[in-house]
Amino acid sequence: MMSVAGERMHVANVYDAAGGEETFSRLVKRFYGRVATDPILRAVYPEEDLSGATERLTLFLIQYWGGPSTYSDQRGHPRLRLRHQPFAIGQKERDAWLGHMQAAVDSLELSDGVRKALLDYFETASTAMINAGDEHET
């Protein structure tokens, strides 16, 4: 198993290897462009204007992958599961979210290593956000 310090070093390299802030901004804009027209996910995003969500996710990903810590400076510890708890996220929501994120990642010109790192993370993180069975949809 990789040490925490070793893991941080690996993750920190992804931010630079991906192209820095510009790449993560494009990724998130393309992702939310797809979310805006998805009826499954619009129910999860209460904001009419997705600009707040866009900014939060962009800052989070920049920080997570080794860029500036603006997200934590503004919002504190990410606490992803806690922040997503108010929203019913079942397998259907997770799959829709992941599908749009995969399409956004695939729309960028990324090295195979960066692409794999991002997709692996998004698959794991989206699964961890599931907090409801699909029975919440009737």
N, C-alpha and C. Protein backbone atom coordinates (compact mmCIF):
# COMPACT_ATOMS: atom_id res chain seq x y z
N MET A 1 0.85 -1.18 0.00
CA MET A 1 0.00 0.00 0.00
C MET A 1 0.89 1.24 0.00
N MET A 2 0.49 2.23 -0.75
CA MET A 2 1.26 3.47 -0.85
C MET A 2 1.06 4.31 0.41
N SER A 3 2.12 4.91 0.87
CA SER A 3 2.01 5.75 2.05
C SER A 3 1.22 7.02 1.74
N VAL A 4 0.71 7.63 2.78
CA VAL A 4 -0.04 8.87 2.61
C VAL A 4 0.82 9.92 1.94
N ALA A 5 2.05 10.05 2.37
CA ALA A 5 2.95 11.04 1.76
C ALA A 5 3.18 10.70 0.29
N GLY A 6 3.40 9.42 -0.02
CA GLY A 6 3.58 8.99 -1.40
C GLY A 6 2.34 9.24 -2.23
N GLU A 7 1.17 9.02 -1.64
CA GLU A 7 -0.08 9.26 -2.34
C GLU A 7 -0.23 10.75 -2.65
N ARG A 8 0.09 11.60 -1.70
CA ARG A 8 0.00 13.04 -1.93
C ARG A 8 0.92 13.46 -3.07
N MET A 9 2.11 12.92 -3.09
CA MET A 9 3.07 13.27 -4.14
C MET A 9 2.49 12.87 -5.49
N HIS A 10 1.92 11.68 -5.58
CA HIS A 10 1.33 11.21 -6.82
C HIS A 10 0.19 12.13 -7.25
N VAL A 11 -0.72 12.41 -6.32
CA VAL A 11 -1.86 13.27 -6.62
C VAL A 11 -1.41 14.66 -7.02
N ALA A 12 -0.41 15.21 -6.32
CA ALA A 12 0.06 16.57 -6.63
C ALA A 12 0.56 16.66 -8.07
N ASN A 13 1.11 15.59 -8.59
CA ASN A 13 1.60 15.60 -9.95
C ASN A 13 0.47 15.68 -10.97
N VAL A 14 -0.72 15.24 -10.64
CA VAL A 14 -1.83 15.23 -11.58
C VAL A 14 -2.26 16.65 -11.94
N TYR A 15 -2.30 17.54 -10.97
CA TYR A 15 -2.70 18.93 -11.23
C TYR A 15 -1.83 19.53 -12.33
N ASP A 16 -0.53 19.43 -12.18
CA ASP A 16 0.38 19.98 -13.18
C ASP A 16 0.32 19.21 -14.48
N ALA A 17 0.28 17.88 -14.39
CA ALA A 17 0.26 17.04 -15.60
C ALA A 17 -1.00 17.26 -16.42
N ALA A 18 -2.10 17.61 -15.74
CA ALA A 18 -3.37 17.84 -16.44
C ALA A 18 -3.40 19.19 -17.14
N GLY A 19 -2.57 20.12 -16.72
CA GLY A 19 -2.59 21.45 -17.31
C GLY A 19 -3.05 22.52 -16.35
N GLY A 20 -3.14 22.18 -15.07
CA GLY A 20 -3.44 23.18 -14.04
C GLY A 20 -4.88 23.66 -14.04
N GLU A 21 -5.05 24.86 -13.53
CA GLU A 21 -6.38 25.44 -13.29
C GLU A 21 -7.22 25.48 -14.56
N GLU A 22 -6.64 25.84 -15.66
CA GLU A 22 -7.41 25.96 -16.90
C GLU A 22 -8.10 24.64 -17.27
N THR A 23 -7.38 23.55 -17.13
CA THR A 23 -7.94 22.24 -17.47
C THR A 23 -9.08 21.87 -16.53
N PHE A 24 -8.90 22.10 -15.24
CA PHE A 24 -9.96 21.74 -14.30
C PHE A 24 -11.18 22.64 -14.47
N SER A 25 -10.98 23.91 -14.81
CA SER A 25 -12.10 24.80 -15.09
C SER A 25 -12.89 24.33 -16.31
N ARG A 26 -12.18 23.94 -17.36
CA ARG A 26 -12.85 23.43 -18.57
C ARG A 26 -13.60 22.14 -18.27
N LEU A 27 -12.96 21.24 -17.51
CA LEU A 27 -13.58 19.98 -17.15
C LEU A 27 -14.92 20.22 -16.45
N VAL A 28 -14.91 21.07 -15.44
CA VAL A 28 -16.12 21.29 -14.64
C VAL A 28 -17.18 22.03 -15.45
N LYS A 29 -16.80 22.98 -16.28
CA LYS A 29 -17.78 23.68 -17.12
C LYS A 29 -18.45 22.71 -18.08
N ARG A 30 -17.67 21.82 -18.67
CA ARG A 30 -18.25 20.83 -19.59
C ARG A 30 -19.16 19.87 -18.84
N PHE A 31 -18.75 19.48 -17.64
CA PHE A 31 -19.57 18.59 -16.81
C PHE A 31 -20.91 19.26 -16.49
N TYR A 32 -20.88 20.47 -15.96
CA TYR A 32 -22.13 21.13 -15.57
C TYR A 32 -22.97 21.54 -16.78
N GLY A 33 -22.36 21.71 -17.94
CA GLY A 33 -23.14 21.93 -19.16
C GLY A 33 -24.04 20.74 -19.45
N ARG A 34 -23.57 19.56 -19.13
CA ARG A 34 -24.35 18.34 -19.32
C ARG A 34 -25.36 18.16 -18.18
N VAL A 35 -24.95 18.46 -16.97
CA VAL A 35 -25.84 18.34 -15.81
C VAL A 35 -27.06 19.24 -15.96
N ALA A 36 -26.86 20.42 -16.52
CA ALA A 36 -27.94 21.41 -16.64
C ALA A 36 -29.14 20.87 -17.41
N THR A 37 -28.92 19.91 -18.29
CA THR A 37 -30.03 19.38 -19.09
C THR A 37 -30.43 17.97 -18.70
N ASP A 38 -29.93 17.48 -17.59
CA ASP A 38 -30.23 16.12 -17.14
C ASP A 38 -31.31 16.15 -16.07
N PRO A 39 -32.50 15.62 -16.36
CA PRO A 39 -33.59 15.69 -15.36
C PRO A 39 -33.30 14.92 -14.07
N ILE A 40 -32.53 13.86 -14.15
CA ILE A 40 -32.18 13.10 -12.93
C ILE A 40 -31.32 13.96 -12.01
N LEU A 41 -30.31 14.61 -12.58
CA LEU A 41 -29.37 15.37 -11.76
C LEU A 41 -29.89 16.75 -11.39
N ARG A 42 -30.72 17.34 -12.21
CA ARG A 42 -31.25 18.66 -11.84
C ARG A 42 -32.04 18.57 -10.54
N ALA A 43 -32.63 17.43 -10.27
CA ALA A 43 -33.36 17.24 -9.01
C ALA A 43 -32.41 17.24 -7.81
N VAL A 44 -31.14 16.92 -8.04
CA VAL A 44 -30.15 16.88 -6.96
C VAL A 44 -29.53 18.25 -6.73
N TYR A 45 -29.57 19.11 -7.73
CA TYR A 45 -28.96 20.44 -7.64
C TYR A 45 -30.06 21.48 -7.46
N PRO A 46 -30.25 21.96 -6.23
CA PRO A 46 -31.35 22.89 -5.97
C PRO A 46 -31.15 24.28 -6.58
N GLU A 47 -29.90 24.64 -6.87
CA GLU A 47 -29.65 25.97 -7.40
C GLU A 47 -30.10 26.06 -8.85
N GLU A 48 -30.89 27.08 -9.15
CA GLU A 48 -31.31 27.31 -10.54
C GLU A 48 -30.09 27.58 -11.40
N ASP A 49 -29.21 28.41 -10.89
CA ASP A 49 -27.96 28.77 -11.57
C ASP A 49 -26.86 27.87 -11.00
N LEU A 50 -26.22 27.12 -11.85
CA LEU A 50 -25.21 26.16 -11.38
C LEU A 50 -23.83 26.79 -11.17
N SER A 51 -23.73 28.10 -11.23
CA SER A 51 -22.41 28.74 -11.12
C SER A 51 -21.77 28.50 -9.75
N GLY A 52 -22.55 28.47 -8.69
CA GLY A 52 -21.99 28.20 -7.36
C GLY A 52 -21.43 26.80 -7.28
N ALA A 53 -22.19 25.83 -7.78
CA ALA A 53 -21.71 24.45 -7.79
C ALA A 53 -20.48 24.31 -8.68
N THR A 54 -20.48 25.02 -9.80
CA THR A 54 -19.34 24.98 -10.72
C THR A 54 -18.08 25.49 -10.03
N GLU A 55 -18.20 26.60 -9.34
CA GLU A 55 -17.04 27.17 -8.65
C GLU A 55 -16.54 26.24 -7.55
N ARG A 56 -17.46 25.69 -6.76
CA ARG A 56 -17.07 24.81 -5.65
C ARG A 56 -16.35 23.56 -6.15
N LEU A 57 -16.91 22.92 -7.18
CA LEU A 57 -16.29 21.71 -7.69
C LEU A 57 -14.93 22.01 -8.33
N THR A 58 -14.84 23.10 -9.06
CA THR A 58 -13.57 23.48 -9.66
C THR A 58 -12.50 23.67 -8.59
N LEU A 59 -12.82 24.45 -7.57
CA LEU A 59 -11.84 24.70 -6.50
C LEU A 59 -11.49 23.42 -5.75
N PHE A 60 -12.48 22.56 -5.52
CA PHE A 60 -12.21 21.30 -4.83
C PHE A 60 -11.25 20.44 -5.64
N LEU A 61 -11.54 20.28 -6.93
CA LEU A 61 -10.69 19.41 -7.76
C LEU A 61 -9.28 19.98 -7.90
N ILE A 62 -9.18 21.27 -8.04
CA ILE A 62 -7.85 21.90 -8.11
C ILE A 62 -7.06 21.58 -6.85
N GLN A 63 -7.69 21.74 -5.70
CA GLN A 63 -6.99 21.47 -4.44
C GLN A 63 -6.70 19.98 -4.30
N TYR A 64 -7.66 19.14 -4.58
CA TYR A 64 -7.49 17.69 -4.41
C TYR A 64 -6.31 17.17 -5.22
N TRP A 65 -6.18 17.67 -6.44
CA TRP A 65 -5.15 17.15 -7.34
C TRP A 65 -3.83 17.89 -7.21
N GLY A 66 -3.68 18.79 -6.24
CA GLY A 66 -2.38 19.35 -5.94
C GLY A 66 -2.22 20.83 -6.22
N GLY A 67 -3.28 21.52 -6.59
CA GLY A 67 -3.21 22.95 -6.83
C GLY A 67 -3.41 23.75 -5.56
N PRO A 68 -3.67 25.04 -5.70
CA PRO A 68 -3.87 25.92 -4.54
C PRO A 68 -5.00 25.44 -3.63
N SER A 69 -4.90 25.78 -2.35
CA SER A 69 -5.87 25.32 -1.34
C SER A 69 -7.02 26.31 -1.16
N THR A 70 -7.41 26.98 -2.21
CA THR A 70 -8.48 27.97 -2.13
C THR A 70 -9.78 27.37 -1.61
N TYR A 71 -10.09 26.15 -2.00
CA TYR A 71 -11.33 25.52 -1.54
C TYR A 71 -11.36 25.48 -0.01
N SER A 72 -10.35 24.91 0.60
CA SER A 72 -10.32 24.80 2.07
C SER A 72 -10.21 26.17 2.73
N ASP A 73 -9.49 27.09 2.11
CA ASP A 73 -9.38 28.44 2.65
C ASP A 73 -10.76 29.09 2.75
N GLN A 74 -11.61 28.85 1.77
CA GLN A 74 -12.95 29.46 1.73
C GLN A 74 -14.00 28.65 2.46
N ARG A 75 -13.91 27.32 2.39
CA ARG A 75 -15.02 26.47 2.86
C ARG A 75 -14.65 25.49 3.96
N GLY A 76 -13.38 25.42 4.33
CA GLY A 76 -12.96 24.46 5.34
C GLY A 76 -12.74 23.09 4.73
N HIS A 77 -12.67 22.08 5.59
CA HIS A 77 -12.44 20.71 5.14
C HIS A 77 -13.54 20.29 4.17
N PRO A 78 -13.21 19.56 3.11
CA PRO A 78 -14.22 19.19 2.12
C PRO A 78 -15.41 18.40 2.67
N ARG A 79 -15.18 17.46 3.57
CA ARG A 79 -16.29 16.67 4.16
C ARG A 79 -17.32 16.28 3.10
N LEU A 80 -16.89 15.60 2.07
CA LEU A 80 -17.75 15.31 0.92
C LEU A 80 -19.04 14.59 1.28
N ARG A 81 -18.95 13.52 2.05
CA ARG A 81 -20.18 12.78 2.38
C ARG A 81 -21.14 13.66 3.18
N LEU A 82 -20.64 14.41 4.12
CA LEU A 82 -21.49 15.28 4.92
C LEU A 82 -22.15 16.35 4.05
N ARG A 83 -21.40 16.96 3.17
CA ARG A 83 -21.96 18.01 2.30
C ARG A 83 -22.99 17.47 1.33
N HIS A 84 -22.90 16.20 0.98
CA HIS A 84 -23.86 15.60 0.04
C HIS A 84 -25.04 14.93 0.74
N GLN A 85 -24.97 14.80 2.07
CA GLN A 85 -26.01 14.09 2.82
C GLN A 85 -27.42 14.66 2.62
N PRO A 86 -27.62 15.96 2.49
CA PRO A 86 -28.99 16.47 2.32
C PRO A 86 -29.67 16.03 1.02
N PHE A 87 -28.91 15.49 0.09
CA PHE A 87 -29.46 15.14 -1.22
C PHE A 87 -29.58 13.63 -1.35
N ALA A 88 -30.71 13.16 -1.85
CA ALA A 88 -30.91 11.73 -2.06
C ALA A 88 -30.12 11.31 -3.30
N ILE A 89 -29.06 10.53 -3.05
CA ILE A 89 -28.20 10.07 -4.13
C ILE A 89 -28.23 8.54 -4.13
N GLY A 90 -28.91 8.00 -5.11
CA GLY A 90 -28.97 6.56 -5.30
C GLY A 90 -28.08 6.15 -6.47
N GLN A 91 -28.17 4.89 -6.83
CA GLN A 91 -27.36 4.38 -7.94
C GLN A 91 -27.66 5.12 -9.23
N LYS A 92 -28.91 5.46 -9.47
CA LYS A 92 -29.30 6.16 -10.70
C LYS A 92 -28.65 7.54 -10.78
N GLU A 93 -28.65 8.28 -9.68
CA GLU A 93 -28.01 9.60 -9.64
C GLU A 93 -26.50 9.47 -9.80
N ARG A 94 -25.95 8.49 -9.10
CA ARG A 94 -24.50 8.26 -9.20
C ARG A 94 -24.10 7.94 -10.63
N ASP A 95 -24.84 7.05 -11.27
CA ASP A 95 -24.51 6.65 -12.64
C ASP A 95 -24.64 7.82 -13.61
N ALA A 96 -25.67 8.65 -13.44
CA ALA A 96 -25.84 9.82 -14.30
C ALA A 96 -24.68 10.79 -14.09
N TRP A 97 -24.35 11.04 -12.82
CA TRP A 97 -23.25 11.95 -12.50
C TRP A 97 -21.95 11.45 -13.12
N LEU A 98 -21.66 10.16 -12.90
CA LEU A 98 -20.41 9.59 -13.39
C LEU A 98 -20.38 9.61 -14.92
N GLY A 99 -21.48 9.32 -15.56
CA GLY A 99 -21.53 9.35 -17.02
C GLY A 99 -21.19 10.72 -17.58
N HIS A 100 -21.73 11.75 -16.97
CA HIS A 100 -21.44 13.12 -17.43
C HIS A 100 -19.99 13.50 -17.13
N MET A 101 -19.48 13.06 -16.00
CA MET A 101 -18.09 13.38 -15.67
C MET A 101 -17.14 12.63 -16.60
N GLN A 102 -17.44 11.38 -16.89
CA GLN A 102 -16.60 10.63 -17.82
C GLN A 102 -16.59 11.29 -19.19
N ALA A 103 -17.74 11.75 -19.66
CA ALA A 103 -17.81 12.44 -20.95
C ALA A 103 -17.00 13.73 -20.92
N ALA A 104 -17.07 14.45 -19.80
CA ALA A 104 -16.30 15.69 -19.67
C ALA A 104 -14.79 15.40 -19.69
N VAL A 105 -14.37 14.36 -18.98
CA VAL A 105 -12.96 13.97 -18.98
C VAL A 105 -12.54 13.58 -20.39
N ASP A 106 -13.36 12.79 -21.06
CA ASP A 106 -13.03 12.33 -22.40
C ASP A 106 -12.99 13.46 -23.42
N SER A 107 -13.65 14.58 -23.12
CA SER A 107 -13.67 15.71 -24.05
C SER A 107 -12.37 16.52 -24.02
N LEU A 108 -11.53 16.24 -23.03
CA LEU A 108 -10.26 16.96 -22.88
C LEU A 108 -9.12 16.14 -23.48
N GLU A 109 -8.10 16.82 -23.90
CA GLU A 109 -6.91 16.13 -24.39
C GLU A 109 -5.97 15.93 -23.21
N LEU A 110 -6.06 14.75 -22.61
CA LEU A 110 -5.27 14.42 -21.43
C LEU A 110 -4.40 13.22 -21.73
N SER A 111 -3.29 13.12 -21.04
CA SER A 111 -2.47 11.92 -21.17
C SER A 111 -3.26 10.74 -20.60
N ASP A 112 -2.88 9.54 -21.01
CA ASP A 112 -3.58 8.35 -20.52
C ASP A 112 -3.50 8.23 -19.01
N GLY A 113 -2.35 8.58 -18.43
CA GLY A 113 -2.18 8.49 -16.98
C GLY A 113 -3.08 9.45 -16.23
N VAL A 114 -3.17 10.68 -16.69
CA VAL A 114 -4.03 11.67 -16.05
C VAL A 114 -5.49 11.26 -16.21
N ARG A 115 -5.86 10.86 -17.41
CA ARG A 115 -7.24 10.44 -17.67
C ARG A 115 -7.62 9.30 -16.73
N LYS A 116 -6.76 8.30 -16.60
CA LYS A 116 -7.06 7.15 -15.73
C LYS A 116 -7.16 7.58 -14.27
N ALA A 117 -6.25 8.43 -13.83
CA ALA A 117 -6.30 8.90 -12.44
C ALA A 117 -7.62 9.61 -12.15
N LEU A 118 -8.04 10.49 -13.06
CA LEU A 118 -9.30 11.22 -12.87
C LEU A 118 -10.48 10.28 -12.87
N LEU A 119 -10.56 9.41 -13.87
CA LEU A 119 -11.71 8.50 -13.97
C LEU A 119 -11.79 7.54 -12.80
N ASP A 120 -10.64 7.03 -12.36
CA ASP A 120 -10.64 6.13 -11.19
C ASP A 120 -11.16 6.87 -9.95
N TYR A 121 -10.68 8.09 -9.76
CA TYR A 121 -11.13 8.87 -8.61
C TYR A 121 -12.63 9.15 -8.69
N PHE A 122 -13.11 9.59 -9.84
CA PHE A 122 -14.54 9.93 -9.97
C PHE A 122 -15.42 8.70 -9.77
N GLU A 123 -14.97 7.56 -10.22
CA GLU A 123 -15.75 6.34 -10.02
C GLU A 123 -15.85 6.01 -8.53
N THR A 124 -14.73 6.06 -7.84
CA THR A 124 -14.71 5.75 -6.41
C THR A 124 -15.48 6.80 -5.60
N ALA A 125 -15.23 8.08 -5.87
CA ALA A 125 -15.88 9.14 -5.10
C ALA A 125 -17.38 9.17 -5.34
N SER A 126 -17.82 8.95 -6.57
CA SER A 126 -19.26 8.99 -6.84
C SER A 126 -19.97 7.82 -6.15
N THR A 127 -19.33 6.69 -6.09
CA THR A 127 -19.91 5.54 -5.38
C THR A 127 -20.01 5.83 -3.89
N ALA A 128 -19.01 6.49 -3.34
CA ALA A 128 -19.02 6.83 -1.91
C ALA A 128 -20.12 7.81 -1.54
N MET A 129 -20.64 8.57 -2.50
CA MET A 129 -21.68 9.55 -2.21
C MET A 129 -23.08 8.95 -2.16
N ILE A 130 -23.22 7.69 -2.57
CA ILE A 130 -24.54 7.05 -2.53
C ILE A 130 -25.01 6.99 -1.08
N ASN A 131 -26.18 7.56 -0.85
CA ASN A 131 -26.71 7.61 0.50
C ASN A 131 -28.18 7.22 0.56
N ALA A 132 -28.73 6.72 -0.56
CA ALA A 132 -30.14 6.35 -0.62
C ALA A 132 -30.29 5.20 -1.59
N GLY A 133 -31.28 4.36 -1.32
CA GLY A 133 -31.61 3.32 -2.29
C GLY A 133 -32.43 3.96 -3.41
N ASP A 134 -32.61 3.27 -4.48
CA ASP A 134 -33.37 3.83 -5.58
C ASP A 134 -34.87 3.90 -5.29
N GLU A 135 -35.28 3.42 -4.12
CA GLU A 135 -36.69 3.52 -3.75
C GLU A 135 -37.12 4.96 -3.48
N HIS A 136 -36.16 5.91 -3.36
CA HIS A 136 -36.53 7.29 -3.13
C HIS A 136 -37.23 7.87 -4.35
N GLU A 137 -37.15 7.19 -5.50
CA GLU A 137 -37.88 7.60 -6.71
C GLU A 137 -39.11 6.73 -6.83
N THR A 138 -40.26 7.31 -6.81
CA THR A 138 -41.48 6.53 -6.98
C THR A 138 -42.28 7.04 -8.12
